[in-house]
N, C-alpha and C. Protein backbone atom coordinates (compact mmCIF):
# COMPACT_ATOMS: atom_id res chain seq x y z
N MET A 1 43.32 46.95 75.66
CA MET A 1 41.69 45.87 76.05
C MET A 1 40.30 46.77 75.31
N THR A 2 39.85 46.21 74.73
CA THR A 2 37.98 46.78 74.06
C THR A 2 37.07 45.59 74.76
N ALA A 3 36.86 46.11 75.74
CA ALA A 3 35.37 45.52 76.11
C ALA A 3 33.94 44.98 74.75
N ALA A 4 34.12 45.58 73.79
CA ALA A 4 33.31 45.44 72.60
C ALA A 4 33.76 44.49 72.09
N SER A 5 34.91 43.35 72.38
CA SER A 5 35.71 42.71 71.39
C SER A 5 34.45 41.11 71.26
N THR A 6 33.77 41.11 72.12
CA THR A 6 32.79 39.92 71.79
C THR A 6 31.94 40.20 72.42
N GLY A 7 31.48 41.18 72.84
CA GLY A 7 29.76 41.07 73.11
C GLY A 7 29.59 40.43 74.26
N ARG A 8 30.13 38.91 75.05
CA ARG A 8 29.81 38.40 75.95
C ARG A 8 30.45 38.53 77.34
N LEU A 9 30.06 39.63 77.69
CA LEU A 9 30.75 40.10 79.40
C LEU A 9 30.39 39.64 80.57
N ALA A 10 31.15 39.49 81.70
CA ALA A 10 30.84 39.48 82.92
C ALA A 10 31.43 40.27 83.95
N VAL A 11 30.64 40.52 85.30
CA VAL A 11 31.83 41.19 85.98
C VAL A 11 31.63 40.18 87.00
N GLY A 12 33.23 39.74 87.36
CA GLY A 12 33.88 38.84 88.65
C GLY A 12 34.00 39.76 89.79
N VAL A 13 33.65 39.58 91.30
CA VAL A 13 33.29 40.47 92.00
C VAL A 13 33.94 39.32 93.20
N ASP A 14 34.24 39.47 93.85
CA ASP A 14 35.50 38.59 95.18
C ASP A 14 35.50 39.77 96.12
N VAL A 15 34.94 39.52 97.16
CA VAL A 15 34.22 40.14 98.42
C VAL A 15 35.20 39.50 99.76
N GLY A 16 36.22 39.88 100.32
CA GLY A 16 36.85 39.30 100.94
C GLY A 16 37.30 39.84 102.77
N GLY A 17 37.86 39.46 103.55
CA GLY A 17 37.65 40.21 104.77
C GLY A 17 39.01 41.48 104.55
N SER A 18 39.50 41.39 103.43
CA SER A 18 40.64 42.66 103.83
C SER A 18 40.43 43.71 102.53
N GLY A 19 39.30 43.34 101.25
CA GLY A 19 39.75 43.40 100.47
C GLY A 19 38.83 42.79 99.37
N ILE A 20 37.99 44.14 98.30
CA ILE A 20 36.87 43.98 97.44
C ILE A 20 37.91 43.86 96.20
N LYS A 21 37.75 42.58 95.17
CA LYS A 21 38.46 42.65 94.00
C LYS A 21 37.18 42.62 92.90
N VAL A 22 37.13 43.42 91.96
CA VAL A 22 36.41 43.51 90.75
C VAL A 22 37.09 43.47 89.25
N ALA A 23 36.60 42.92 88.42
CA ALA A 23 37.17 42.75 86.90
C ALA A 23 35.80 42.64 85.91
N VAL A 24 35.92 43.17 84.80
CA VAL A 24 35.44 42.98 83.70
C VAL A 24 36.06 41.99 82.90
N VAL A 25 35.16 41.15 82.34
CA VAL A 25 35.69 39.28 82.28
C VAL A 25 35.18 39.61 80.65
N ASP A 26 35.84 39.17 79.63
CA ASP A 26 35.07 38.63 77.80
C ASP A 26 35.51 37.36 78.10
N VAL A 27 33.61 36.60 78.51
CA VAL A 27 33.77 35.14 78.65
C VAL A 27 33.98 34.26 77.51
N GLU A 28 34.17 35.07 76.40
CA GLU A 28 34.51 33.94 75.43
C GLU A 28 35.89 33.73 75.31
N ARG A 29 36.26 34.80 75.81
CA ARG A 29 38.29 34.81 75.28
C ARG A 29 38.48 34.63 76.27
N GLY A 30 38.25 34.68 77.59
CA GLY A 30 38.93 34.44 78.93
C GLY A 30 39.92 35.20 79.25
N THR A 31 39.48 36.49 78.67
CA THR A 31 40.20 37.84 79.27
C THR A 31 39.64 39.01 79.94
N LEU A 32 40.68 39.53 80.19
CA LEU A 32 40.06 40.81 80.94
C LEU A 32 39.70 41.28 80.05
N ALA A 33 38.20 42.38 80.44
CA ALA A 33 37.48 43.60 79.52
C ALA A 33 38.48 44.47 79.76
N GLY A 34 39.08 44.93 80.72
CA GLY A 34 39.62 46.23 81.49
C GLY A 34 40.53 45.64 83.14
N PRO A 35 40.59 46.95 83.54
CA PRO A 35 41.61 46.47 84.75
C PRO A 35 41.32 46.38 86.16
N ARG A 36 41.83 45.02 86.80
CA ARG A 36 41.41 44.47 87.76
C ARG A 36 41.61 45.88 88.96
N LEU A 37 40.33 45.88 89.91
CA LEU A 37 40.23 46.96 90.75
C LEU A 37 39.68 46.25 92.39
N ARG A 38 40.73 46.72 92.84
CA ARG A 38 40.92 46.15 94.36
C ARG A 38 40.43 47.61 95.65
N VAL A 39 40.00 47.25 96.19
CA VAL A 39 39.73 48.39 97.86
C VAL A 39 39.47 47.63 98.75
N ALA A 40 39.74 48.33 99.65
CA ALA A 40 39.10 47.95 100.76
C ALA A 40 37.84 47.48 101.47
N THR A 41 38.18 46.23 102.45
CA THR A 41 36.99 46.44 102.58
C THR A 41 36.20 47.23 103.80
N PRO A 42 35.02 48.17 103.50
CA PRO A 42 35.22 48.67 105.02
C PRO A 42 34.96 47.45 106.55
N GLN A 43 35.04 48.77 107.22
CA GLN A 43 35.07 47.94 108.18
C GLN A 43 34.22 48.97 109.32
N PRO A 44 33.43 48.60 110.15
CA PRO A 44 32.92 47.25 110.17
C PRO A 44 32.03 46.57 108.71
N SER A 45 32.21 45.15 108.23
CA SER A 45 31.88 44.86 106.84
C SER A 45 30.65 44.61 106.94
N SER A 46 29.80 45.02 107.34
CA SER A 46 27.84 44.96 107.70
C SER A 46 27.20 44.70 105.97
N PRO A 47 26.42 44.28 105.24
CA PRO A 47 26.20 44.56 104.19
C PRO A 47 25.90 46.04 104.01
N GLY A 48 25.00 46.59 104.58
CA GLY A 48 24.73 47.90 104.10
C GLY A 48 25.62 48.98 104.08
N VAL A 49 26.95 48.64 104.62
CA VAL A 49 27.98 49.70 104.13
C VAL A 49 29.27 49.11 103.23
N VAL A 50 28.91 47.47 102.84
CA VAL A 50 29.74 46.86 101.90
C VAL A 50 29.13 46.82 100.24
N LEU A 51 27.95 46.55 100.80
CA LEU A 51 27.07 47.05 99.08
C LEU A 51 27.45 48.24 98.48
N PRO A 52 27.03 49.24 98.87
CA PRO A 52 27.43 50.71 98.23
C PRO A 52 28.84 50.38 97.62
N THR A 53 30.00 49.85 98.53
CA THR A 53 31.60 50.14 98.00
C THR A 53 31.58 48.74 97.14
N MET A 54 30.93 47.76 96.72
CA MET A 54 30.95 47.02 95.74
C MET A 54 30.09 48.11 94.02
N ILE A 55 29.44 48.37 94.77
CA ILE A 55 27.92 48.58 93.75
C ILE A 55 29.45 49.76 93.03
N ARG A 56 29.56 50.74 93.66
CA ARG A 56 30.69 51.53 93.05
C ARG A 56 31.97 51.16 92.26
N THR A 57 32.55 50.45 93.16
CA THR A 57 33.64 49.62 92.09
C THR A 57 33.17 48.85 91.28
N VAL A 58 32.05 47.97 91.26
CA VAL A 58 31.50 47.86 89.80
C VAL A 58 31.32 48.86 88.58
N ARG A 59 30.58 50.14 89.09
CA ARG A 59 30.31 50.63 88.32
C ARG A 59 32.07 51.22 87.49
N ARG A 60 33.05 51.68 88.41
CA ARG A 60 33.76 51.92 87.88
C ARG A 60 34.61 50.67 87.11
N ALA A 61 34.47 49.19 87.45
CA ALA A 61 35.46 48.72 86.70
C ALA A 61 34.84 48.68 85.32
N VAL A 62 33.31 49.34 85.18
CA VAL A 62 32.40 49.21 83.77
C VAL A 62 33.35 49.74 83.11
N ALA A 63 33.11 51.10 83.58
CA ALA A 63 33.27 52.40 83.27
C ALA A 63 34.40 52.32 82.36
N GLU A 64 35.76 51.68 83.29
CA GLU A 64 36.92 51.55 82.94
C GLU A 64 37.39 51.16 82.23
N ALA A 65 36.53 49.61 81.48
CA ALA A 65 36.44 48.84 80.35
C ALA A 65 35.88 49.51 79.25
N LYS A 66 35.11 50.67 79.40
CA LYS A 66 34.15 51.14 78.59
C LYS A 66 33.26 50.39 77.82
N VAL A 67 32.10 49.42 78.89
CA VAL A 67 31.15 48.90 77.78
C VAL A 67 30.28 49.56 78.03
N ALA A 68 29.72 49.76 76.70
CA ALA A 68 28.66 50.27 75.69
C ALA A 68 27.69 50.01 76.45
N GLY A 69 26.67 51.03 76.87
CA GLY A 69 25.25 50.58 77.60
C GLY A 69 25.10 49.79 78.62
N GLY A 70 26.37 49.62 79.37
CA GLY A 70 26.41 49.04 80.65
C GLY A 70 26.19 50.19 81.58
N ALA A 71 25.14 49.47 82.25
CA ALA A 71 24.53 50.24 84.01
C ALA A 71 24.44 49.21 85.11
N VAL A 72 24.88 49.95 85.93
CA VAL A 72 24.50 49.50 87.44
C VAL A 72 23.53 49.74 88.06
N PRO A 73 22.65 48.96 88.61
CA PRO A 73 21.46 49.67 89.52
C PRO A 73 22.23 50.38 90.54
N GLU A 74 21.51 51.15 91.14
CA GLU A 74 22.11 51.52 92.68
C GLU A 74 21.67 50.42 93.60
N LYS A 75 21.05 49.67 93.74
CA LYS A 75 20.61 48.72 94.38
C LYS A 75 20.42 47.09 94.03
N PRO A 76 20.22 45.95 94.56
CA PRO A 76 19.93 44.90 93.95
C PRO A 76 18.35 45.23 94.08
N GLY A 77 17.90 44.54 92.67
CA GLY A 77 16.35 44.82 92.07
C GLY A 77 16.18 46.05 91.46
N GLY A 78 16.82 46.88 91.39
CA GLY A 78 17.22 48.16 90.83
C GLY A 78 16.06 48.27 90.05
N SER A 79 15.46 49.49 89.26
CA SER A 79 14.43 49.59 88.09
C SER A 79 15.03 48.78 86.80
N PRO A 80 14.23 48.34 86.37
CA PRO A 80 14.63 47.53 85.04
C PRO A 80 15.37 48.40 83.85
N ARG A 81 15.04 49.97 84.26
CA ARG A 81 16.08 50.32 83.07
C ARG A 81 17.32 50.70 83.48
N SER A 82 17.58 50.10 84.61
CA SER A 82 19.02 50.47 85.21
C SER A 82 19.74 49.22 85.51
N ARG A 83 19.00 47.90 85.12
CA ARG A 83 19.53 46.62 85.73
C ARG A 83 20.97 46.73 84.48
N THR A 84 22.32 45.91 84.78
CA THR A 84 23.32 45.75 83.99
C THR A 84 23.00 44.96 82.66
N ARG A 85 23.93 45.89 81.51
CA ARG A 85 23.56 44.84 80.45
C ARG A 85 24.65 44.87 79.80
N THR A 86 24.74 44.25 78.79
CA THR A 86 26.05 43.40 77.92
C THR A 86 26.03 44.08 76.83
N SER A 87 27.55 44.73 76.46
CA SER A 87 27.75 45.14 75.09
C SER A 87 27.47 44.29 74.21
N ARG A 88 27.35 44.28 72.74
CA ARG A 88 26.66 43.70 71.85
C ARG A 88 27.28 43.78 71.19
């Protein structure tokens, strides 16, 4: 699996009551560009606890997909230098 295959990538996140699932997807091919990751949803599942878990899992998915130039901000609305980018 090579994330740089087409350059059009997206990150899918599914937040459920028992688990958070994340994957990097090659949108042109309709295939996964890296492994599917699943972590337990923190309890209590307040936004202040769930969001950092989501960010860590997205970062891990991007790293494991070997996305060139991929960056994930610390929190939504992070600095322009740290916004998520796709490989081209």
